[in-house]
Amino acid sequence: MSSALSLLDLLAPYPPGWGGVLLAGALSTVAISLGAYGIGILIGLAGALGKLIGGRPLVIALDLYTTAVRAIPELILIVGLYYAGTDGINRVLLAAGLPPIEINGFVAAVAVLGIVQGAYMTEVLRGAILAIPVGQIEAAKAFGMRPSLRFRRIVLPALIPNALPGLANLWMSVTKDSALIAVVGYQELALATRLAAGNTKHYFLFFFAAALLYLAITLVSNVIFGALEGHFRRGQPKNA
């Protein structure tokens, strides 16, 4: 009984328990993931449109970006972009006669993961746009719709249902990839778990608790994306 109580005490949300540290880490994980996901969508939408309607130099540049990011392991990209990006910014500042800056860990985490997500988003959104029947777009052109109006009224409503399954998978991916940010020292759930386990030597307890927190994030995300897909696919026939 005392052993069970001691384990519960270790998971308490207040000291000497580490539950509060784990919950704060989980919130950081969600915040990083949301920020990176939003940046990824913006990059992905711009990249998809660039690949579909851009000139050849732009298409080649976007192909290089998406191929390189998808080919190189995320851990190498995160470490490389974090340190190389910080060093590059400080070199520019020094050349301009300005003092170097310390990049905020949260901002760096969101930016780096957003760049990684953007490459995958580009291909998901490009495929979703290509899945839209050409006749719908041609009909909009025939009615004289401007490109911006055509995108808002025709492309975007048809794009979202096609893209949602891929977007849901990318959200699950970024919540797990956020654990890699621990290598640059920012405390999210993975690093908080390592700290708690290292200080108490109860490795199984805290890694199991972290796994449950990641599972909870996934289950809530599944409910949200399921509701979104049901909303955007309303009126469409369901597959048997």
Protein backbone atom coordinates (compact mmCIF):
# COMPACT_ATOMS: atom_id res chain seq x y z
CA MET A 1 0.00 0.00 0.00
CA SER A 2 2.82 2.38 0.91
CA SER A 3 4.48 1.61 -2.41
CA ALA A 4 1.27 2.43 -4.30
CA LEU A 5 0.90 5.66 -2.35
CA SER A 6 4.48 6.64 -3.05
CA LEU A 7 3.92 6.15 -6.77
CA LEU A 8 0.78 8.26 -6.61
CA ASP A 9 2.72 10.90 -4.70
CA LEU A 10 5.30 10.98 -7.49
CA LEU A 11 2.53 11.75 -9.99
CA ALA A 12 0.95 14.44 -7.80
CA PRO A 13 0.57 17.82 -9.53
CA TYR A 14 2.52 19.60 -6.81
CA PRO A 15 6.03 19.04 -5.33
CA PRO A 16 7.47 16.59 -4.53
CA GLY A 17 5.29 15.08 -7.26
CA TRP A 18 6.13 15.56 -10.92
CA GLY A 19 2.61 15.46 -12.34
CA GLY A 20 2.49 19.22 -12.75
CA VAL A 21 5.75 19.17 -14.69
CA LEU A 22 4.36 16.49 -17.02
CA LEU A 23 1.10 18.40 -17.55
CA ALA A 24 3.02 21.61 -18.28
CA GLY A 25 5.14 19.65 -20.75
CA ALA A 26 2.00 18.27 -22.41
CA LEU A 27 0.60 21.80 -22.76
CA SER A 28 3.90 22.92 -24.31
CA THR A 29 3.71 19.99 -26.72
CA VAL A 30 0.20 21.01 -27.82
CA ALA A 31 1.20 24.69 -28.11
CA ILE A 32 4.29 23.87 -30.20
CA SER A 33 2.27 21.50 -32.37
CA LEU A 34 -0.50 24.05 -32.97
CA GLY A 35 1.97 26.77 -33.91
CA ALA A 36 3.98 24.51 -36.22
CA TYR A 37 0.80 23.11 -37.76
CA GLY A 38 -0.52 26.58 -38.53
CA ILE A 39 2.76 27.63 -40.13
CA GLY A 40 2.85 24.35 -42.04
CA ILE A 41 -0.61 24.95 -43.48
CA LEU A 42 0.35 28.44 -44.66
CA ILE A 43 3.58 27.18 -46.24
CA GLY A 44 1.81 24.16 -47.67
CA LEU A 45 -0.98 26.19 -49.27
CA ALA A 46 1.50 28.62 -50.81
CA GLY A 47 3.69 25.72 -51.94
CA ALA A 48 0.80 23.79 -53.46
CA LEU A 49 -0.44 26.80 -55.41
CA GLY A 50 3.14 27.60 -56.45
CA LYS A 51 3.63 24.10 -57.82
CA LEU A 52 0.35 24.19 -59.71
CA ILE A 53 0.36 27.70 -61.19
CA GLY A 54 3.91 28.98 -60.65
CA GLY A 55 6.66 29.36 -63.21
CA ARG A 56 9.29 26.73 -63.81
CA PRO A 57 11.98 28.25 -61.51
CA LEU A 58 9.48 28.37 -58.64
CA VAL A 59 8.33 24.80 -59.27
CA ILE A 60 11.95 23.57 -59.28
CA ALA A 61 12.69 25.42 -56.03
CA LEU A 62 9.57 23.98 -54.37
CA ASP A 63 10.42 20.49 -55.61
CA LEU A 64 13.88 20.80 -54.05
CA TYR A 65 12.35 21.99 -50.77
CA THR A 66 9.75 19.24 -50.47
CA THR A 67 12.14 16.51 -51.61
CA ALA A 68 14.94 17.56 -49.26
CA VAL A 69 12.70 17.90 -46.21
CA ARG A 70 10.96 14.57 -46.81
CA ALA A 71 14.24 12.77 -47.50
CA ILE A 72 16.24 14.01 -44.49
CA PRO A 73 15.31 12.63 -41.03
CA GLU A 74 13.40 15.14 -38.89
CA LEU A 75 15.97 15.00 -36.08
CA ILE A 76 18.78 16.11 -38.42
CA LEU A 77 16.58 18.85 -39.88
CA ILE A 78 15.58 20.15 -36.46
CA VAL A 79 19.14 20.27 -35.13
CA GLY A 80 20.50 21.69 -38.39
CA LEU A 81 17.82 24.35 -38.85
CA TYR A 82 17.95 25.38 -35.19
CA TYR A 83 21.72 25.86 -34.93
CA ALA A 84 22.36 26.91 -38.54
CA GLY A 85 19.39 29.27 -38.47
CA THR A 86 20.47 30.87 -35.20
CA ASP A 87 24.04 31.22 -36.43
CA GLY A 88 22.91 32.66 -39.77
CA ILE A 89 20.68 35.28 -38.14
CA ASN A 90 23.46 36.35 -35.76
CA ARG A 91 25.98 36.60 -38.60
CA VAL A 92 23.61 38.92 -40.47
CA LEU A 93 23.12 41.02 -37.33
CA LEU A 94 26.86 41.24 -36.73
CA ALA A 95 27.44 42.27 -40.34
CA ALA A 96 24.87 45.02 -39.83
CA GLY A 97 26.66 46.17 -36.66
CA LEU A 98 23.96 44.86 -34.36
CA PRO A 99 24.47 42.64 -31.29
CA PRO A 100 23.66 38.91 -31.57
CA ILE A 101 20.39 37.65 -30.17
CA GLU A 102 19.32 34.55 -28.29
CA ILE A 103 16.54 32.77 -30.16
CA ASN A 104 13.59 31.91 -27.93
CA GLY A 105 13.28 28.12 -27.63
CA PHE A 106 9.53 28.09 -28.20
CA VAL A 107 9.73 30.31 -31.28
CA ALA A 108 12.58 28.22 -32.68
CA ALA A 109 10.68 24.98 -32.06
CA VAL A 110 7.55 26.27 -33.80
CA ALA A 111 9.48 27.70 -36.76
CA VAL A 112 11.61 24.60 -37.33
CA LEU A 113 8.71 22.16 -37.09
CA GLY A 114 6.58 24.49 -39.23
CA ILE A 115 9.17 24.36 -42.03
CA VAL A 116 9.22 20.57 -41.82
CA GLN A 117 5.42 20.37 -41.79
CA GLY A 118 5.19 22.76 -44.73
CA ALA A 119 6.88 20.30 -47.07
CA TYR A 120 4.39 17.55 -46.27
CA MET A 121 1.45 19.97 -46.32
CA THR A 122 2.49 21.13 -49.79
CA GLU A 123 2.03 17.65 -51.24
CA VAL A 124 -1.16 16.90 -49.30
CA LEU A 125 -2.82 20.14 -50.40
CA ARG A 126 -1.53 19.84 -53.97
CA GLY A 127 -3.07 16.37 -54.23
CA ALA A 128 -6.34 17.63 -52.73
CA ILE A 129 -6.53 20.46 -55.28
CA LEU A 130 -5.80 18.09 -58.16
CA ALA A 131 -8.66 15.86 -56.94
CA ILE A 132 -11.18 18.67 -57.54
CA PRO A 133 -13.15 18.00 -60.75
CA VAL A 134 -11.83 20.30 -63.48
CA GLY A 135 -15.36 21.03 -64.63
CA GLN A 136 -16.14 22.93 -61.43
CA ILE A 137 -13.21 25.28 -61.94
CA GLU A 138 -13.93 25.70 -65.64
CA ALA A 139 -17.55 26.54 -64.85
CA ALA A 140 -16.42 29.20 -62.38
CA LYS A 141 -14.13 30.67 -65.03
CA ALA A 142 -17.01 30.69 -67.50
CA PHE A 143 -19.10 32.70 -65.00
CA GLY A 144 -16.31 35.27 -64.90
CA MET A 145 -15.19 34.67 -61.32
CA ARG A 146 -11.91 36.33 -60.36
CA PRO A 147 -9.13 33.95 -59.25
CA SER A 148 -9.47 35.00 -55.58
CA LEU A 149 -13.24 34.53 -55.63
CA ARG A 150 -12.86 31.25 -57.51
CA PHE A 151 -10.44 29.99 -54.87
CA ARG A 152 -12.72 31.03 -51.98
CA ARG A 153 -16.01 29.80 -53.46
CA ILE A 154 -14.96 26.73 -55.46
CA VAL A 155 -11.46 25.47 -54.68
CA LEU A 156 -11.35 25.88 -50.89
CA PRO A 157 -14.72 24.20 -50.07
CA ALA A 158 -13.80 21.24 -52.32
CA LEU A 159 -10.20 21.17 -51.11
CA ILE A 160 -10.89 20.75 -47.40
CA PRO A 161 -12.77 17.40 -47.50
CA ASN A 162 -10.13 15.95 -49.83
CA ALA A 163 -7.27 17.14 -47.62
CA LEU A 164 -8.67 16.37 -44.15
CA PRO A 165 -7.45 12.75 -43.86
CA GLY A 166 -3.92 13.79 -44.80
CA LEU A 167 -4.09 16.86 -42.56
CA ALA A 168 -5.21 14.68 -39.65
CA ASN A 169 -2.24 12.38 -40.17
CA LEU A 170 0.14 15.36 -40.26
CA TRP A 171 -1.30 16.69 -37.00
CA MET A 172 -0.62 13.31 -35.34
CA SER A 173 2.86 13.42 -36.82
CA VAL A 174 3.70 16.90 -35.51
CA THR A 175 2.56 16.03 -31.97
CA LYS A 176 5.09 13.19 -31.98
CA ASP A 177 7.80 15.16 -33.80
CA SER A 178 7.56 17.82 -31.09
CA ALA A 179 9.37 15.34 -28.82
CA LEU A 180 12.48 15.83 -30.98
CA ILE A 181 12.64 19.48 -29.87
CA ALA A 182 14.06 18.18 -26.58
CA VAL A 183 17.45 17.86 -28.33
CA VAL A 184 17.72 21.66 -28.49
CA GLY A 185 16.83 22.03 -24.82
CA TYR A 186 13.23 23.25 -24.90
CA GLN A 187 11.10 21.55 -22.26
CA GLU A 188 8.05 19.86 -23.70
CA LEU A 189 6.53 16.53 -22.65
CA ALA A 190 9.45 14.31 -23.71
CA LEU A 191 12.08 16.38 -21.92
CA ALA A 192 9.85 16.82 -18.85
CA THR A 193 9.47 13.04 -18.72
CA ARG A 194 13.22 12.51 -18.92
CA LEU A 195 13.78 15.02 -16.12
CA ALA A 196 11.17 13.41 -13.87
CA ALA A 197 12.43 9.89 -14.55
CA GLY A 198 16.07 10.87 -14.12
CA ASN A 199 15.47 12.60 -10.80
CA THR A 200 13.30 9.85 -9.30
CA LYS A 201 14.74 6.79 -11.11
CA HIS A 202 11.14 5.65 -11.77
CA TYR A 203 11.63 5.40 -15.52
CA PHE A 204 8.77 3.03 -16.30
CA LEU A 205 6.27 5.06 -14.26
CA PHE A 206 6.96 8.39 -15.92
CA PHE A 207 7.41 7.12 -19.47
CA PHE A 208 4.17 5.17 -19.11
CA ALA A 209 2.45 8.34 -17.85
CA ALA A 210 3.87 10.28 -20.80
CA ALA A 211 2.59 7.62 -23.20
CA LEU A 212 -0.89 8.01 -21.69
CA LEU A 213 -0.71 11.78 -22.16
CA TYR A 214 0.30 11.38 -25.82
CA LEU A 215 -2.55 8.88 -26.24
CA ALA A 216 -5.00 11.35 -24.67
CA ILE A 217 -3.85 14.07 -27.11
CA THR A 218 -4.36 11.64 -30.00
CA LEU A 219 -7.84 10.54 -28.87
CA VAL A 220 -9.04 14.13 -28.46
CA SER A 221 -7.54 14.98 -31.86
CA ASN A 222 -9.37 12.04 -33.46
CA VAL A 223 -12.67 13.33 -32.09
CA ILE A 224 -12.01 16.86 -33.39
CA PHE A 225 -10.93 15.74 -36.86
CA GLY A 226 -13.84 13.29 -37.02
CA ALA A 227 -16.25 16.14 -36.27
CA LEU A 228 -14.56 18.36 -38.87
CA GLU A 229 -14.74 15.67 -41.52
CA GLY A 230 -18.40 15.03 -40.72
CA HIS A 231 -19.11 18.76 -41.06
CA PHE A 232 -17.29 19.28 -44.35
CA ARG A 233 -18.59 16.05 -45.89
CA ARG A 234 -22.21 16.65 -44.97
CA GLY A 235 -24.47 15.88 -47.86
CA GLN A 236 -21.89 13.65 -49.53
CA PRO A 237 -22.67 9.94 -49.97
CA LYS A 238 -20.96 7.69 -47.43
CA ASN A 239 -19.00 4.66 -48.56
CA ALA A 240 -20.46 1.37 -47.52
